[in-house]
N, C-alpha and C. Protein backbone atom coordinates (compact mmCIF):
# COMPACT_ATOMS: atom_id res chain seq x y z
N MET A 1 51.83 93.41 89.17
CA MET A 1 52.64 94.42 89.85
C MET A 1 54.11 94.16 89.57
N PHE A 2 54.82 95.24 89.31
CA PHE A 2 56.25 95.11 89.02
C PHE A 2 57.06 95.60 90.21
N PHE A 3 58.13 94.87 90.49
CA PHE A 3 59.01 95.25 91.59
C PHE A 3 60.37 95.60 91.02
N ARG A 4 60.88 96.74 91.40
CA ARG A 4 62.22 97.14 90.98
C ARG A 4 63.21 96.78 92.06
N ARG A 5 64.32 96.22 91.63
CA ARG A 5 65.36 95.87 92.59
C ARG A 5 65.92 97.15 93.20
N LYS A 6 66.03 97.15 94.51
CA LYS A 6 66.55 98.34 95.19
C LYS A 6 68.04 98.51 94.87
N VAL A 7 68.41 99.72 94.53
CA VAL A 7 69.81 100.02 94.20
C VAL A 7 70.54 100.39 95.49
N THR A 8 71.63 99.67 95.77
CA THR A 8 72.44 99.98 96.94
C THR A 8 73.16 101.30 96.70
N PRO A 9 73.00 102.30 97.59
CA PRO A 9 73.73 103.55 97.37
C PRO A 9 75.24 103.32 97.43
N VAL A 10 75.95 103.98 96.57
CA VAL A 10 77.39 103.85 96.48
C VAL A 10 77.99 105.25 96.59
N SER A 11 79.01 105.41 97.43
CA SER A 11 79.63 106.74 97.56
C SER A 11 80.95 106.85 96.80
N TRP A 12 81.55 105.70 96.46
CA TRP A 12 82.81 105.68 95.72
C TRP A 12 82.77 104.59 94.66
N ILE A 13 83.53 104.81 93.60
CA ILE A 13 83.75 103.76 92.59
C ILE A 13 85.26 103.53 92.51
N ALA A 14 85.67 102.29 92.72
CA ALA A 14 87.08 101.90 92.55
C ALA A 14 87.18 101.16 91.22
N VAL A 15 87.91 101.75 90.28
CA VAL A 15 88.05 101.20 88.94
C VAL A 15 89.40 100.50 88.83
N PHE A 16 89.37 99.23 88.50
CA PHE A 16 90.58 98.43 88.39
C PHE A 16 90.79 98.12 86.91
N LEU A 17 91.85 98.67 86.33
CA LEU A 17 92.05 98.53 84.88
C LEU A 17 92.83 97.28 84.53
N GLY A 18 92.42 96.70 83.41
CA GLY A 18 93.08 95.52 82.88
C GLY A 18 92.42 95.14 81.57
N ASN A 19 92.83 94.04 81.00
CA ASN A 19 92.20 93.51 79.80
C ASN A 19 91.51 92.20 80.15
N PRO A 20 90.30 91.96 79.63
CA PRO A 20 89.58 90.74 79.98
C PRO A 20 90.12 89.50 79.28
N GLY A 21 89.89 88.35 79.89
CA GLY A 21 90.22 87.08 79.25
C GLY A 21 91.48 86.44 79.79
N LEU A 22 91.52 85.11 79.68
CA LEU A 22 92.65 84.32 80.21
C LEU A 22 93.97 84.70 79.55
N ARG A 23 93.91 85.09 78.28
CA ARG A 23 95.13 85.44 77.55
C ARG A 23 95.91 86.55 78.25
N TYR A 24 95.19 87.45 78.93
CA TYR A 24 95.83 88.62 79.54
C TYR A 24 96.03 88.50 81.05
N GLU A 25 95.59 87.39 81.62
CA GLU A 25 95.68 87.21 83.06
C GLU A 25 97.14 87.29 83.53
N ASN A 26 97.34 88.04 84.61
CA ASN A 26 98.67 88.21 85.23
C ASN A 26 99.71 88.84 84.30
N THR A 27 99.26 89.62 83.33
CA THR A 27 100.20 90.38 82.51
C THR A 27 100.42 91.75 83.16
N ARG A 28 101.42 92.46 82.71
CA ARG A 28 101.76 93.77 83.29
C ARG A 28 100.59 94.75 83.21
N HIS A 29 99.87 94.70 82.11
CA HIS A 29 98.75 95.63 81.91
C HIS A 29 97.59 95.35 82.87
N ASN A 30 97.60 94.20 83.54
CA ASN A 30 96.48 93.81 84.39
C ASN A 30 96.76 94.02 85.87
N ALA A 31 97.66 94.92 86.20
CA ALA A 31 97.97 95.21 87.61
C ALA A 31 96.72 95.63 88.37
N GLY A 32 95.85 96.40 87.73
CA GLY A 32 94.61 96.82 88.39
C GLY A 32 93.74 95.64 88.76
N PHE A 33 93.58 94.70 87.83
CA PHE A 33 92.78 93.50 88.10
C PHE A 33 93.38 92.71 89.27
N MET A 34 94.70 92.67 89.37
CA MET A 34 95.36 91.94 90.45
C MET A 34 94.95 92.51 91.81
N VAL A 35 94.90 93.84 91.90
CA VAL A 35 94.50 94.48 93.16
C VAL A 35 93.05 94.14 93.48
N ALA A 36 92.18 94.19 92.48
CA ALA A 36 90.76 93.85 92.69
C ALA A 36 90.62 92.44 93.23
N ASP A 37 91.40 91.52 92.68
CA ASP A 37 91.30 90.12 93.11
C ASP A 37 91.75 89.95 94.57
N ILE A 38 92.77 90.70 94.97
CA ILE A 38 93.23 90.64 96.36
C ILE A 38 92.17 91.17 97.31
N ILE A 39 91.56 92.32 96.96
CA ILE A 39 90.52 92.90 97.82
C ILE A 39 89.34 91.95 97.92
N ALA A 40 88.91 91.40 96.79
CA ALA A 40 87.78 90.48 96.79
C ALA A 40 88.05 89.26 97.68
N GLU A 41 89.27 88.73 97.57
CA GLU A 41 89.63 87.57 98.39
C GLU A 41 89.62 87.92 99.87
N GLU A 42 90.19 89.08 100.22
CA GLU A 42 90.23 89.49 101.62
C GLU A 42 88.83 89.71 102.19
N LEU A 43 87.91 90.19 101.35
CA LEU A 43 86.55 90.47 101.81
C LEU A 43 85.61 89.27 101.63
N GLY A 44 86.13 88.20 101.06
CA GLY A 44 85.30 87.01 100.86
C GLY A 44 84.18 87.22 99.87
N THR A 45 84.46 87.99 98.82
CA THR A 45 83.44 88.26 97.80
C THR A 45 84.01 87.96 96.43
N LYS A 46 83.16 88.08 95.42
CA LYS A 46 83.60 87.89 94.04
C LYS A 46 83.16 89.10 93.22
N VAL A 47 84.05 89.56 92.36
CA VAL A 47 83.71 90.65 91.45
C VAL A 47 83.20 89.97 90.18
N ASN A 48 81.90 89.64 90.18
CA ASN A 48 81.40 88.81 89.09
C ASN A 48 80.01 89.19 88.57
N ARG A 49 79.41 90.26 89.11
CA ARG A 49 78.14 90.71 88.54
C ARG A 49 78.44 91.49 87.27
N SER A 50 77.66 91.24 86.24
CA SER A 50 77.92 91.87 84.94
C SER A 50 76.98 93.05 84.70
N LYS A 51 77.56 94.23 84.54
CA LYS A 51 76.81 95.45 84.24
C LYS A 51 77.80 96.52 83.81
N PHE A 52 77.35 97.49 83.06
CA PHE A 52 78.19 98.61 82.60
C PHE A 52 79.41 98.13 81.82
N TYR A 53 79.28 97.09 81.02
CA TYR A 53 80.43 96.51 80.30
C TYR A 53 81.55 96.15 81.27
N ALA A 54 81.20 95.67 82.45
CA ALA A 54 82.20 95.40 83.49
C ALA A 54 81.74 94.25 84.37
N LEU A 55 82.69 93.74 85.14
CA LEU A 55 82.36 92.87 86.27
C LEU A 55 82.43 93.75 87.50
N MET A 56 81.50 93.54 88.44
CA MET A 56 81.42 94.45 89.57
C MET A 56 80.96 93.75 90.84
N ALA A 57 81.19 94.43 91.95
CA ALA A 57 80.71 94.01 93.26
C ALA A 57 80.60 95.26 94.12
N THR A 58 79.66 95.26 95.04
CA THR A 58 79.55 96.36 96.00
C THR A 58 80.08 95.86 97.34
N VAL A 59 81.03 96.60 97.89
CA VAL A 59 81.68 96.19 99.14
C VAL A 59 81.76 97.38 100.10
N LYS A 60 82.08 97.08 101.32
CA LYS A 60 82.31 98.14 102.30
C LYS A 60 83.81 98.26 102.54
N LEU A 61 84.33 99.45 102.25
CA LEU A 61 85.75 99.75 102.48
C LEU A 61 85.82 101.06 103.23
N ALA A 62 86.59 101.10 104.30
CA ALA A 62 86.76 102.33 105.09
C ALA A 62 85.40 102.94 105.46
N ASP A 63 84.46 102.07 105.84
CA ASP A 63 83.10 102.49 106.24
C ASP A 63 82.32 103.17 105.13
N GLN A 64 82.71 102.95 103.89
CA GLN A 64 81.98 103.52 102.74
C GLN A 64 81.50 102.39 101.84
N GLN A 65 80.35 102.61 101.19
CA GLN A 65 79.90 101.67 100.16
C GLN A 65 80.67 101.97 98.88
N VAL A 66 81.37 100.97 98.38
CA VAL A 66 82.26 101.15 97.23
C VAL A 66 81.88 100.15 96.14
N LEU A 67 81.72 100.67 94.93
CA LEU A 67 81.52 99.81 93.78
C LEU A 67 82.89 99.44 93.23
N MET A 68 83.21 98.15 93.24
CA MET A 68 84.43 97.66 92.59
C MET A 68 84.08 97.37 91.14
N LEU A 69 84.85 97.96 90.22
CA LEU A 69 84.53 97.87 88.81
C LEU A 69 85.75 97.38 88.03
N LYS A 70 85.59 96.25 87.33
CA LYS A 70 86.63 95.73 86.44
C LYS A 70 86.08 95.79 85.01
N PRO A 71 86.36 96.88 84.28
CA PRO A 71 85.84 96.98 82.90
C PRO A 71 86.25 95.77 82.07
N GLN A 72 85.30 95.26 81.30
CA GLN A 72 85.57 94.10 80.45
C GLN A 72 85.71 94.47 78.98
N THR A 73 85.76 95.77 78.72
CA THR A 73 86.14 96.24 77.40
C THR A 73 87.67 96.23 77.38
N TYR A 74 88.26 96.47 76.25
CA TYR A 74 89.71 96.58 76.26
C TYR A 74 90.13 97.89 76.90
N MET A 75 91.35 97.93 77.34
CA MET A 75 91.89 99.03 78.14
C MET A 75 91.58 100.41 77.55
N ASN A 76 91.76 100.56 76.23
CA ASN A 76 91.66 101.89 75.63
C ASN A 76 90.23 102.41 75.50
N ILE A 77 89.22 101.62 75.91
CA ILE A 77 87.84 102.14 75.94
C ILE A 77 87.21 101.90 77.31
N SER A 78 88.01 101.95 78.36
CA SER A 78 87.52 101.76 79.73
C SER A 78 86.55 102.84 80.17
N GLY A 79 86.64 104.02 79.57
CA GLY A 79 85.80 105.15 79.97
C GLY A 79 84.31 104.89 79.80
N ASN A 80 83.93 104.05 78.83
CA ASN A 80 82.51 103.74 78.62
C ASN A 80 81.91 103.12 79.88
N SER A 81 82.61 102.16 80.44
CA SER A 81 82.15 101.47 81.63
C SER A 81 82.07 102.41 82.83
N VAL A 82 83.12 103.20 83.02
CA VAL A 82 83.19 104.10 84.17
C VAL A 82 82.09 105.16 84.09
N ARG A 83 81.89 105.72 82.90
CA ARG A 83 80.86 106.75 82.72
C ARG A 83 79.47 106.21 83.07
N GLN A 84 79.16 105.00 82.61
CA GLN A 84 77.84 104.42 82.89
C GLN A 84 77.64 104.19 84.39
N ALA A 85 78.66 103.67 85.05
CA ALA A 85 78.55 103.42 86.49
C ALA A 85 78.39 104.73 87.27
N MET A 86 79.15 105.75 86.89
CA MET A 86 79.04 107.06 87.54
C MET A 86 77.63 107.61 87.42
N LYS A 87 77.08 107.51 86.22
CA LYS A 87 75.74 108.05 85.97
C LYS A 87 74.68 107.27 86.75
N PHE A 88 74.78 105.96 86.73
CA PHE A 88 73.79 105.12 87.40
C PHE A 88 73.75 105.37 88.91
N TYR A 89 74.94 105.47 89.52
CA TYR A 89 75.04 105.64 90.98
C TYR A 89 75.15 107.10 91.41
N ASN A 90 75.20 108.01 90.41
CA ASN A 90 75.32 109.44 90.70
C ASN A 90 76.55 109.75 91.57
N VAL A 91 77.68 109.17 91.17
CA VAL A 91 78.94 109.36 91.88
C VAL A 91 79.76 110.42 91.15
N PRO A 92 80.23 111.47 91.86
CA PRO A 92 81.02 112.50 91.19
C PRO A 92 82.42 111.99 90.83
N LEU A 93 83.02 112.63 89.85
CA LEU A 93 84.33 112.20 89.35
C LEU A 93 85.39 112.14 90.44
N GLU A 94 85.34 113.10 91.39
CA GLU A 94 86.37 113.10 92.45
C GLU A 94 86.25 111.90 93.40
N ASN A 95 85.14 111.14 93.30
CA ASN A 95 84.97 109.94 94.11
C ASN A 95 85.17 108.66 93.28
N VAL A 96 85.87 108.82 92.18
CA VAL A 96 86.26 107.67 91.36
C VAL A 96 87.77 107.50 91.52
N VAL A 97 88.20 106.34 91.99
CA VAL A 97 89.63 106.05 92.14
C VAL A 97 90.01 105.00 91.10
N VAL A 98 91.04 105.27 90.33
CA VAL A 98 91.47 104.34 89.29
C VAL A 98 92.79 103.70 89.71
N ILE A 99 92.83 102.38 89.65
CA ILE A 99 94.04 101.62 89.98
C ILE A 99 94.54 100.99 88.68
N THR A 100 95.78 101.30 88.32
CA THR A 100 96.27 100.87 87.02
C THR A 100 97.78 100.64 87.03
N ASP A 101 98.28 100.12 85.92
CA ASP A 101 99.72 99.88 85.74
C ASP A 101 100.41 101.15 85.27
N ASP A 102 101.75 101.18 85.45
CA ASP A 102 102.55 102.32 84.98
C ASP A 102 103.91 101.82 84.53
N VAL A 103 104.19 101.94 83.24
CA VAL A 103 105.47 101.46 82.70
C VAL A 103 106.63 102.39 83.01
N SER A 104 106.33 103.59 83.49
CA SER A 104 107.41 104.53 83.79
C SER A 104 107.96 104.35 85.20
N LEU A 105 107.35 103.46 85.98
CA LEU A 105 107.81 103.18 87.35
C LEU A 105 108.44 101.80 87.42
N PRO A 106 109.47 101.65 88.26
CA PRO A 106 110.05 100.31 88.45
C PRO A 106 108.99 99.34 88.99
N VAL A 107 109.18 98.08 88.73
CA VAL A 107 108.23 97.06 89.17
C VAL A 107 108.00 97.16 90.69
N GLY A 108 106.74 97.26 91.06
CA GLY A 108 106.38 97.26 92.48
C GLY A 108 106.32 98.63 93.14
N LYS A 109 106.75 99.69 92.47
CA LYS A 109 106.68 101.03 93.05
C LYS A 109 105.29 101.61 92.83
N LEU A 110 104.81 102.40 93.78
CA LEU A 110 103.51 103.04 93.64
C LEU A 110 103.66 104.54 93.42
N ARG A 111 102.71 105.11 92.68
CA ARG A 111 102.60 106.55 92.55
C ARG A 111 101.13 106.90 92.71
N ILE A 112 100.83 107.67 93.75
CA ILE A 112 99.46 108.06 94.04
C ILE A 112 99.32 109.54 93.77
N ARG A 113 98.27 109.90 93.03
CA ARG A 113 98.04 111.29 92.69
C ARG A 113 96.57 111.64 92.90
N ARG A 114 96.34 112.88 93.30
CA ARG A 114 94.99 113.40 93.51
C ARG A 114 94.27 113.63 92.18
N ARG A 115 95.03 113.97 91.16
CA ARG A 115 94.51 114.27 89.83
C ARG A 115 95.70 114.26 88.87
N GLY A 116 95.46 114.48 87.59
CA GLY A 116 96.59 114.59 86.66
C GLY A 116 96.27 114.08 85.28
N SER A 117 97.25 114.20 84.41
CA SER A 117 97.08 113.78 83.02
C SER A 117 97.13 112.26 82.92
N ALA A 118 96.91 111.77 81.72
CA ALA A 118 96.95 110.33 81.48
C ALA A 118 98.37 109.79 81.48
N GLY A 119 99.35 110.66 81.26
CA GLY A 119 100.74 110.20 81.24
C GLY A 119 100.99 109.12 80.20
N GLY A 120 100.25 109.17 79.09
CA GLY A 120 100.46 108.19 78.02
C GLY A 120 99.69 106.90 78.20
N HIS A 121 98.94 106.77 79.30
CA HIS A 121 98.19 105.53 79.55
C HIS A 121 96.83 105.61 78.86
N ASN A 122 96.57 104.68 77.94
CA ASN A 122 95.35 104.74 77.14
C ASN A 122 94.07 104.56 77.95
N GLY A 123 94.11 103.76 78.98
CA GLY A 123 92.93 103.58 79.83
C GLY A 123 92.58 104.87 80.56
N LEU A 124 93.58 105.51 81.15
CA LEU A 124 93.35 106.79 81.83
C LEU A 124 92.91 107.86 80.84
N LYS A 125 93.51 107.85 79.66
CA LYS A 125 93.17 108.83 78.62
C LYS A 125 91.68 108.74 78.26
N ASP A 126 91.18 107.52 78.14
CA ASP A 126 89.79 107.33 77.76
C ASP A 126 88.84 107.73 78.90
N ILE A 127 89.22 107.44 80.13
CA ILE A 127 88.40 107.85 81.28
C ILE A 127 88.35 109.38 81.36
N ILE A 128 89.48 110.03 81.19
CA ILE A 128 89.53 111.50 81.22
C ILE A 128 88.62 112.08 80.12
N ALA A 129 88.69 111.50 78.92
CA ALA A 129 87.92 112.01 77.79
C ALA A 129 86.42 111.81 77.97
N LYS A 130 86.02 110.68 78.56
CA LYS A 130 84.59 110.34 78.60
C LYS A 130 83.89 110.64 79.92
N CYS A 131 84.67 110.94 80.97
CA CYS A 131 84.05 111.07 82.30
C CYS A 131 84.15 112.48 82.87
N GLY A 132 84.66 113.43 82.11
CA GLY A 132 84.58 114.81 82.56
C GLY A 132 85.85 115.45 83.06
N GLY A 133 87.00 114.87 82.78
CA GLY A 133 88.24 115.55 83.14
C GLY A 133 89.22 114.70 83.93
N GLU A 134 90.21 115.39 84.51
CA GLU A 134 91.36 114.75 85.18
C GLU A 134 91.23 114.72 86.69
N ASP A 135 90.15 115.27 87.23
CA ASP A 135 90.05 115.45 88.68
C ASP A 135 89.57 114.20 89.41
N PHE A 136 90.32 113.13 89.28
CA PHE A 136 90.02 111.91 90.03
C PHE A 136 91.33 111.30 90.53
N PRO A 137 91.31 110.73 91.73
CA PRO A 137 92.54 110.12 92.25
C PRO A 137 92.89 108.84 91.51
N ARG A 138 94.19 108.56 91.49
CA ARG A 138 94.63 107.33 90.86
C ARG A 138 95.80 106.73 91.62
N VAL A 139 95.86 105.41 91.60
CA VAL A 139 96.97 104.65 92.19
C VAL A 139 97.63 103.92 91.03
N ARG A 140 98.87 104.33 90.73
CA ARG A 140 99.58 103.70 89.62
C ARG A 140 100.62 102.74 90.19
N ILE A 141 100.65 101.55 89.62
CA ILE A 141 101.56 100.50 90.09
C ILE A 141 102.62 100.25 89.02
N GLY A 142 103.87 100.40 89.42
CA GLY A 142 104.97 100.22 88.48
C GLY A 142 105.07 98.80 87.98
N VAL A 143 105.19 98.66 86.66
CA VAL A 143 105.36 97.33 86.06
C VAL A 143 106.66 97.26 85.27
N GLY A 144 107.49 98.31 85.41
CA GLY A 144 108.79 98.32 84.73
C GLY A 144 108.67 98.75 83.28
N SER A 145 109.80 99.16 82.73
CA SER A 145 109.83 99.56 81.33
C SER A 145 110.55 98.50 80.51
N PRO A 146 110.34 98.49 79.20
CA PRO A 146 110.99 97.48 78.34
C PRO A 146 112.51 97.52 78.50
N PRO A 147 113.17 96.38 78.34
CA PRO A 147 114.62 96.30 78.56
C PRO A 147 115.45 97.10 77.57
N HIS A 148 114.90 97.40 76.39
CA HIS A 148 115.64 98.23 75.42
C HIS A 148 114.65 98.98 74.53
N ASP A 149 115.13 100.03 73.89
CA ASP A 149 114.27 100.94 73.11
C ASP A 149 113.52 100.25 71.96
N GLU A 150 114.10 99.20 71.40
CA GLU A 150 113.49 98.55 70.25
C GLU A 150 112.33 97.63 70.65
N TYR A 151 112.19 97.39 71.94
CA TYR A 151 111.16 96.47 72.41
C TYR A 151 109.78 97.09 72.18
N ASP A 152 108.86 96.34 71.59
CA ASP A 152 107.52 96.83 71.32
C ASP A 152 106.74 97.00 72.63
N MET A 153 106.20 98.22 72.86
CA MET A 153 105.52 98.51 74.12
C MET A 153 104.29 97.62 74.31
N ALA A 154 103.55 97.35 73.24
CA ALA A 154 102.36 96.49 73.36
C ALA A 154 102.76 95.09 73.82
N ASP A 155 103.84 94.57 73.26
CA ASP A 155 104.33 93.25 73.69
C ASP A 155 104.77 93.29 75.15
N TRP A 156 105.38 94.40 75.55
CA TRP A 156 105.87 94.52 76.93
C TRP A 156 104.73 94.49 77.94
N VAL A 157 103.71 95.33 77.72
CA VAL A 157 102.63 95.40 78.72
C VAL A 157 101.79 94.13 78.75
N LEU A 158 101.86 93.35 77.69
CA LEU A 158 101.12 92.08 77.68
C LEU A 158 101.99 90.88 78.05
N SER A 159 103.22 91.18 78.50
CA SER A 159 104.10 90.10 78.96
C SER A 159 103.84 89.82 80.44
N ARG A 160 104.31 88.66 80.91
CA ARG A 160 104.10 88.27 82.30
C ARG A 160 105.34 88.58 83.13
N PHE A 161 105.13 88.65 84.43
CA PHE A 161 106.22 88.94 85.36
C PHE A 161 107.05 87.68 85.61
N ASN A 162 108.36 87.88 85.85
CA ASN A 162 109.18 86.74 86.26
C ASN A 162 108.98 86.50 87.76
N SER A 163 109.61 85.49 88.31
CA SER A 163 109.33 85.11 89.70
C SER A 163 109.74 86.19 90.69
N ASP A 164 110.85 86.87 90.45
CA ASP A 164 111.26 87.97 91.34
C ASP A 164 110.27 89.13 91.26
N GLU A 165 109.84 89.45 90.05
CA GLU A 165 108.88 90.52 89.87
C GLU A 165 107.54 90.18 90.51
N ASN A 166 107.15 88.92 90.45
CA ASN A 166 105.88 88.49 91.05
C ASN A 166 105.86 88.80 92.55
N LYS A 167 106.99 88.60 93.22
CA LYS A 167 107.06 88.91 94.66
C LYS A 167 106.88 90.40 94.90
N LEU A 168 107.55 91.22 94.07
CA LEU A 168 107.43 92.67 94.19
C LEU A 168 105.99 93.12 93.92
N MET A 169 105.36 92.52 92.92
CA MET A 169 104.00 92.88 92.57
C MET A 169 103.00 92.48 93.65
N SER A 170 103.22 91.35 94.26
CA SER A 170 102.34 90.90 95.34
C SER A 170 102.35 91.92 96.48
N ASP A 171 103.55 92.38 96.84
CA ASP A 171 103.69 93.38 97.89
C ASP A 171 103.06 94.71 97.46
N ALA A 172 103.28 95.10 96.20
CA ALA A 172 102.75 96.37 95.69
C ALA A 172 101.22 96.35 95.68
N CYS A 173 100.64 95.23 95.32
CA CYS A 173 99.18 95.12 95.28
C CYS A 173 98.58 95.22 96.68
N GLN A 174 99.26 94.67 97.67
CA GLN A 174 98.80 94.82 99.06
C GLN A 174 98.87 96.28 99.49
N LYS A 175 99.95 96.96 99.12
CA LYS A 175 100.09 98.39 99.46
C LYS A 175 99.05 99.23 98.73
N ALA A 176 98.77 98.88 97.48
CA ALA A 176 97.75 99.61 96.71
C ALA A 176 96.38 99.46 97.36
N THR A 177 96.11 98.29 97.91
CA THR A 177 94.85 98.05 98.62
C THR A 177 94.75 98.96 99.84
N ALA A 178 95.84 99.04 100.60
CA ALA A 178 95.86 99.90 101.80
C ALA A 178 95.74 101.37 101.41
N ALA A 179 96.40 101.76 100.31
CA ALA A 179 96.33 103.14 99.83
C ALA A 179 94.91 103.49 99.41
N LEU A 180 94.25 102.56 98.74
CA LEU A 180 92.86 102.77 98.31
C LEU A 180 91.97 103.04 99.52
N GLU A 181 92.14 102.27 100.56
CA GLU A 181 91.33 102.46 101.77
C GLU A 181 91.57 103.84 102.38
N LEU A 182 92.84 104.28 102.41
CA LEU A 182 93.14 105.62 102.93
C LEU A 182 92.47 106.70 102.08
N ILE A 183 92.54 106.56 100.77
CA ILE A 183 91.94 107.55 99.88
C ILE A 183 90.43 107.64 100.12
N ILE A 184 89.79 106.48 100.20
CA ILE A 184 88.33 106.45 100.39
C ILE A 184 87.95 107.02 101.75
N SER A 185 88.82 106.87 102.74
CA SER A 185 88.52 107.41 104.07
C SER A 185 88.84 108.90 104.18
N GLY A 186 89.28 109.52 103.07
CA GLY A 186 89.56 110.95 103.06
C GLY A 186 90.98 111.30 103.43
N GLU A 187 91.86 110.30 103.45
CA GLU A 187 93.25 110.50 103.86
C GLU A 187 94.20 110.45 102.67
N MET A 188 93.90 111.23 101.65
CA MET A 188 94.74 111.25 100.44
C MET A 188 96.18 111.63 100.75
N ASN A 189 96.37 112.65 101.55
CA ASN A 189 97.74 113.09 101.88
C ASN A 189 98.51 111.99 102.59
N ALA A 190 97.84 111.28 103.49
CA ALA A 190 98.48 110.17 104.21
C ALA A 190 98.86 109.05 103.24
N ALA A 191 97.98 108.77 102.30
CA ALA A 191 98.25 107.73 101.30
C ALA A 191 99.47 108.09 100.46
N MET A 192 99.54 109.35 100.03
CA MET A 192 100.68 109.79 99.22
C MET A 192 101.98 109.78 100.04
N ALA A 193 101.89 110.24 101.28
CA ALA A 193 103.09 110.29 102.14
C ALA A 193 103.61 108.89 102.44
N LYS A 194 102.70 107.95 102.63
CA LYS A 194 103.12 106.60 103.05
C LYS A 194 103.58 105.74 101.88
N TYR A 195 102.93 105.88 100.72
CA TYR A 195 103.18 104.90 99.66
C TYR A 195 103.87 105.44 98.42
N ASN A 196 103.99 106.76 98.25
CA ASN A 196 104.70 107.28 97.08
C ASN A 196 106.21 107.08 97.24
């Protein structure tokens, strides 16, 4: 006789964007991973189950079952992981929240949107292309822009924060966590009003 593991129903997927591996830890591009780590620590869990080309955990946030997803592909192909998780749990696109970095915002500033374009972000671009459109909420965390025009953007997003920026990012990640809970509880307008 074969027994199938019971699938925990999930009503939301929280996608935390970053690049896998120690080389990229605590870099600007990994702001999403930083938020995931804070939530996991606060809830006393680990985002460490491997599935959908991602590390994942199922948690309760705002009285909802939420799949925390940290894609382990590189940023520009994050959509593969998100699409598989959506299909497996039958979660609609509007119940997928993406937490990511934003080079167009000053370090530590948040921008929360109900939907929208990728704004030049390759991770968002891939999710939009592979998961059915732009109609998903996102929490963008400012990581600052390069100090001058000649600075290579790839080098910038893979650079680490200085000590002053680390303090701003710590505060921003806590706010992003609170904003995520508001979004999941159906309070998108409140999240935008409070944290934008």
